[in-house]
């Protein structure tokens, strides 16, 4: 019985950490994609609560049945069934009009740019796990020929 009573506080602590960990992911007021095709995924961020990454938003699109994707080693390897080939002659590249926020550079058009809806979206400086989703900014994943 003493062993059981000793385990109870530890189990409660683990459950509390799990609950707080689940709360750290931000949520969007809705998950929508303006375009979700074989070579292009575009969304403009709606109202977002807390910190949210592009990966978090993609996970929301998956839950809504609007997108499928895989990620390996921090790199997106396929979207909507279209995979990067082994020779990386094509890759999923990410662009946004969020280029700077609070002194942090998030995109650079000198690395690459994509025109969408009258906006110039700059190549993202961060992977989807670190790229923040900020209300009103546009994000695009583009299947791009590299060679």
C-alpha atoms as a PDB file:
ATOM      1  CA  UNK A   1       0.000   0.000   0.000  1.00  0.00           C
ATOM      2  CA  UNK A   2       2.888   2.370   0.797  1.00  0.00           C
ATOM      3  CA  UNK A   3       4.360   1.770  -2.668  1.00  0.00           C
ATOM      4  CA  UNK A   4       0.991   2.597  -4.228  1.00  0.00           C
ATOM      5  CA  UNK A   5       0.702   5.820  -2.214  1.00  0.00           C
ATOM      6  CA  UNK A   6       4.236   6.790  -3.264  1.00  0.00           C
ATOM      7  CA  UNK A   7       3.328   6.326  -6.935  1.00  0.00           C
ATOM      8  CA  UNK A   8       0.178   8.489  -6.783  1.00  0.00           C
ATOM      9  CA  UNK A   9       1.980  11.880  -6.492  1.00  0.00           C
ATOM     10  CA  UNK A  10       4.384  10.949  -9.291  1.00  0.00           C
ATOM     11  CA  UNK A  11       1.510   9.917 -11.554  1.00  0.00           C
ATOM     12  CA  UNK A  12      -0.331  13.155 -10.758  1.00  0.00           C
ATOM     13  CA  UNK A  13       2.766  15.167 -11.678  1.00  0.00           C
ATOM     14  CA  UNK A  14       3.102  13.347 -15.011  1.00  0.00           C
ATOM     15  CA  UNK A  15      -0.570  13.961 -15.813  1.00  0.00           C
ATOM     16  CA  UNK A  16      -0.236  17.654 -14.935  1.00  0.00           C
ATOM     17  CA  UNK A  17       2.795  18.019 -17.217  1.00  0.00           C
ATOM     18  CA  UNK A  18       0.940  16.285 -20.040  1.00  0.00           C
ATOM     19  CA  UNK A  19      -2.033  18.594 -19.597  1.00  0.00           C
ATOM     20  CA  UNK A  20       0.145  21.721 -19.656  1.00  0.00           C
ATOM     21  CA  UNK A  21       2.081  20.395 -22.659  1.00  0.00           C
ATOM     22  CA  UNK A  22      -1.139  19.953 -24.594  1.00  0.00           C
ATOM     23  CA  UNK A  23      -2.113  23.553 -23.841  1.00  0.00           C
ATOM     24  CA  UNK A  24       1.079  25.031 -25.286  1.00  0.00           C
ATOM     25  CA  UNK A  25      -0.006  24.590 -28.917  1.00  0.00           C
ATOM     26  CA  UNK A  26      -1.957  27.525 -30.278  1.00  0.00           C
ATOM     27  CA  UNK A  27      -5.208  27.095 -32.109  1.00  0.00           C
ATOM     28  CA  UNK A  28      -6.747  28.899 -35.032  1.00  0.00           C
ATOM     29  CA  UNK A  29     -10.305  30.178 -35.185  1.00  0.00           C
ATOM     30  CA  UNK A  30     -10.659  27.999 -38.288  1.00  0.00           C
ATOM     31  CA  UNK A  31      -8.442  25.885 -40.507  1.00  0.00           C
ATOM     32  CA  UNK A  32      -8.859  26.700 -44.173  1.00  0.00           C
ATOM     33  CA  UNK A  33      -6.667  26.575 -47.250  1.00  0.00           C
ATOM     34  CA  UNK A  34      -7.226  28.964 -50.143  1.00  0.00           C
ATOM     35  CA  UNK A  35      -5.551  26.387 -52.380  1.00  0.00           C
ATOM     36  CA  UNK A  36      -4.694  22.764 -51.604  1.00  0.00           C
ATOM     37  CA  UNK A  37      -3.544  20.961 -54.732  1.00  0.00           C
ATOM     38  CA  UNK A  38      -0.779  18.673 -55.938  1.00  0.00           C
ATOM     39  CA  UNK A  39       1.746  21.498 -56.291  1.00  0.00           C
ATOM     40  CA  UNK A  40       0.494  24.368 -54.139  1.00  0.00           C
ATOM     41  CA  UNK A  41      -0.949  24.900 -50.658  1.00  0.00           C
ATOM     42  CA  UNK A  42      -1.815  28.467 -49.612  1.00  0.00           C
ATOM     43  CA  UNK A  43      -3.456  29.824 -46.482  1.00  0.00           C
ATOM     44  CA  UNK A  44      -3.880  33.245 -44.947  1.00  0.00           C
ATOM     45  CA  UNK A  45      -3.744  32.965 -41.183  1.00  0.00           C
ATOM     46  CA  UNK A  46      -7.031  33.569 -39.381  1.00  0.00           C
ATOM     47  CA  UNK A  47      -7.237  34.666 -35.765  1.00  0.00           C
ATOM     48  CA  UNK A  48      -4.712  32.581 -33.840  1.00  0.00           C
ATOM     49  CA  UNK A  49      -4.503  31.991 -30.092  1.00  0.00           C
ATOM     50  CA  UNK A  50      -1.102  31.535 -28.441  1.00  0.00           C
ATOM     51  CA  UNK A  51       1.998  30.524 -30.350  1.00  0.00           C
ATOM     52  CA  UNK A  52       1.350  28.519 -33.479  1.00  0.00           C
ATOM     53  CA  UNK A  53       3.747  27.206 -36.102  1.00  0.00           C
ATOM     54  CA  UNK A  54       3.059  26.352 -39.731  1.00  0.00           C
ATOM     55  CA  UNK A  55       3.309  22.695 -38.659  1.00  0.00           C
ATOM     56  CA  UNK A  56       0.559  23.266 -36.072  1.00  0.00           C
ATOM     57  CA  UNK A  57      -1.608  24.858 -38.772  1.00  0.00           C
ATOM     58  CA  UNK A  58      -0.875  22.004 -41.206  1.00  0.00           C
ATOM     59  CA  UNK A  59      -1.879  19.547 -38.461  1.00  0.00           C
ATOM     60  CA  UNK A  60      -5.196  21.432 -38.183  1.00  0.00           C
ATOM     61  CA  UNK A  61      -5.668  21.174 -41.960  1.00  0.00           C
ATOM     62  CA  UNK A  62      -5.024  17.430 -41.694  1.00  0.00           C
ATOM     63  CA  UNK A  63      -7.667  17.140 -38.948  1.00  0.00           C
ATOM     64  CA  UNK A  64     -10.138  18.983 -41.226  1.00  0.00           C
ATOM     65  CA  UNK A  65      -9.354  16.586 -44.100  1.00  0.00           C
ATOM     66  CA  UNK A  66      -7.948  19.402 -46.276  1.00  0.00           C
ATOM     67  CA  UNK A  67      -4.335  18.253 -46.465  1.00  0.00           C
ATOM     68  CA  UNK A  68      -2.009  15.305 -46.072  1.00  0.00           C
ATOM     69  CA  UNK A  69       1.711  15.690 -45.508  1.00  0.00           C
ATOM     70  CA  UNK A  70       4.780  13.930 -44.189  1.00  0.00           C
ATOM     71  CA  UNK A  71       7.835  15.358 -42.520  1.00  0.00           C
ATOM     72  CA  UNK A  72      11.202  13.703 -41.934  1.00  0.00           C
ATOM     73  CA  UNK A  73      14.185  15.202 -40.152  1.00  0.00           C
ATOM     74  CA  UNK A  74      12.474  18.581 -40.061  1.00  0.00           C
ATOM     75  CA  UNK A  75      11.920  18.620 -43.836  1.00  0.00           C
ATOM     76  CA  UNK A  76       8.523  18.307 -45.497  1.00  0.00           C
ATOM     77  CA  UNK A  77       8.865  15.300 -47.794  1.00  0.00           C
ATOM     78  CA  UNK A  78       5.366  15.166 -49.287  1.00  0.00           C
ATOM     79  CA  UNK A  79       2.123  17.125 -49.456  1.00  0.00           C
ATOM     80  CA  UNK A  80      -1.157  15.773 -50.799  1.00  0.00           C
ATOM     81  CA  UNK A  81       0.607  12.658 -52.081  1.00  0.00           C
ATOM     82  CA  UNK A  82       3.344  14.519 -54.005  1.00  0.00           C
ATOM     83  CA  UNK A  83       6.795  13.588 -52.692  1.00  0.00           C
ATOM     84  CA  UNK A  84      10.244  15.071 -53.088  1.00  0.00           C
ATOM     85  CA  UNK A  85      12.160  12.743 -55.449  1.00  0.00           C
ATOM     86  CA  UNK A  86      15.340  11.034 -54.247  1.00  0.00           C
ATOM     87  CA  UNK A  87      17.501  13.403 -56.317  1.00  0.00           C
ATOM     88  CA  UNK A  88      15.728  16.465 -54.845  1.00  0.00           C
ATOM     89  CA  UNK A  89      15.208  17.899 -58.322  1.00  0.00           C
ATOM     90  CA  UNK A  90      11.874  19.100 -56.913  1.00  0.00           C
ATOM     91  CA  UNK A  91      11.151  20.060 -53.314  1.00  0.00           C
ATOM     92  CA  UNK A  92       8.382  21.577 -51.275  1.00  0.00           C
ATOM     93  CA  UNK A  93       9.512  25.153 -50.620  1.00  0.00           C
ATOM     94  CA  UNK A  94       7.820  27.525 -48.165  1.00  0.00           C
ATOM     95  CA  UNK A  95       7.103  31.213 -48.672  1.00  0.00           C
ATOM     96  CA  UNK A  96       5.355  33.932 -46.658  1.00  0.00           C
ATOM     97  CA  UNK A  97       4.833  37.672 -46.560  1.00  0.00           C
ATOM     98  CA  UNK A  98       5.855  37.527 -42.884  1.00  0.00           C
ATOM     99  CA  UNK A  99       9.453  38.634 -43.368  1.00  0.00           C
ATOM    100  CA  UNK A 100      10.204  40.349 -40.047  1.00  0.00           C
ATOM    101  CA  UNK A 101       8.479  40.540 -36.675  1.00  0.00           C
ATOM    102  CA  UNK A 102       9.819  41.909 -33.388  1.00  0.00           C
ATOM    103  CA  UNK A 103      13.315  42.178 -34.867  1.00  0.00           C
ATOM    104  CA  UNK A 104      13.396  38.548 -36.057  1.00  0.00           C
ATOM    105  CA  UNK A 105      13.875  37.862 -39.785  1.00  0.00           C
ATOM    106  CA  UNK A 106      11.431  35.165 -40.950  1.00  0.00           C
ATOM    107  CA  UNK A 107      11.815  35.446 -44.720  1.00  0.00           C
ATOM    108  CA  UNK A 108      14.155  36.704 -47.409  1.00  0.00           C
ATOM    109  CA  UNK A 109      13.092  37.293 -51.032  1.00  0.00           C
ATOM    110  CA  UNK A 110      16.760  37.140 -52.115  1.00  0.00           C
ATOM    111  CA  UNK A 111      16.646  33.400 -51.360  1.00  0.00           C
ATOM    112  CA  UNK A 112      13.545  33.014 -53.504  1.00  0.00           C
ATOM    113  CA  UNK A 113      10.123  34.538 -53.953  1.00  0.00           C
ATOM    114  CA  UNK A 114       6.674  33.443 -55.048  1.00  0.00           C
ATOM    115  CA  UNK A 115       3.937  35.716 -56.362  1.00  0.00           C
ATOM    116  CA  UNK A 116       0.444  34.975 -55.091  1.00  0.00           C
ATOM    117  CA  UNK A 117      -2.680  37.119 -55.098  1.00  0.00           C
ATOM    118  CA  UNK A 118      -0.763  40.308 -55.852  1.00  0.00           C
ATOM    119  CA  UNK A 119       1.662  39.673 -52.986  1.00  0.00           C
ATOM    120  CA  UNK A 120       5.328  38.774 -53.103  1.00  0.00           C
ATOM    121  CA  UNK A 121       5.967  35.958 -50.651  1.00  0.00           C
ATOM    122  CA  UNK A 122       9.582  35.524 -49.521  1.00  0.00           C
ATOM    123  CA  UNK A 123      11.392  32.266 -48.911  1.00  0.00           C
ATOM    124  CA  UNK A 124      10.956  31.277 -45.266  1.00  0.00           C
ATOM    125  CA  UNK A 125      14.043  31.434 -43.077  1.00  0.00           C
ATOM    126  CA  UNK A 126      12.701  28.740 -40.727  1.00  0.00           C
ATOM    127  CA  UNK A 127      11.293  25.256 -41.161  1.00  0.00           C
ATOM    128  CA  UNK A 128       7.585  24.657 -40.604  1.00  0.00           C
ATOM    129  CA  UNK A 129       8.142  23.632 -36.988  1.00  0.00           C
ATOM    130  CA  UNK A 130       9.604  27.055 -36.117  1.00  0.00           C
ATOM    131  CA  UNK A 131       7.906  29.343 -38.654  1.00  0.00           C
ATOM    132  CA  UNK A 132       5.209  31.246 -36.722  1.00  0.00           C
ATOM    133  CA  UNK A 133       1.671  31.691 -37.990  1.00  0.00           C
ATOM    134  CA  UNK A 134       0.572  35.294 -37.475  1.00  0.00           C
ATOM    135  CA  UNK A 135      -2.930  36.537 -38.200  1.00  0.00           C
ATOM    136  CA  UNK A 136      -3.315  38.166 -41.602  1.00  0.00           C
ATOM    137  CA  UNK A 137      -0.112  36.868 -43.166  1.00  0.00           C
ATOM    138  CA  UNK A 138      -0.122  34.527 -46.161  1.00  0.00           C
ATOM    139  CA  UNK A 139       1.834  31.260 -46.296  1.00  0.00           C
ATOM    140  CA  UNK A 140       2.485  29.071 -49.349  1.00  0.00           C
ATOM    141  CA  UNK A 141       4.024  25.649 -49.845  1.00  0.00           C
ATOM    142  CA  UNK A 142       5.103  25.368 -53.479  1.00  0.00           C
ATOM    143  CA  UNK A 143       6.392  22.248 -55.231  1.00  0.00           C
ATOM    144  CA  UNK A 144       9.444  23.775 -56.895  1.00  0.00           C
ATOM    145  CA  UNK A 145      11.907  22.531 -59.504  1.00  0.00           C
ATOM    146  CA  UNK A 146      15.423  23.025 -58.106  1.00  0.00           C
ATOM    147  CA  UNK A 147      17.656  21.937 -60.974  1.00  0.00           C
END
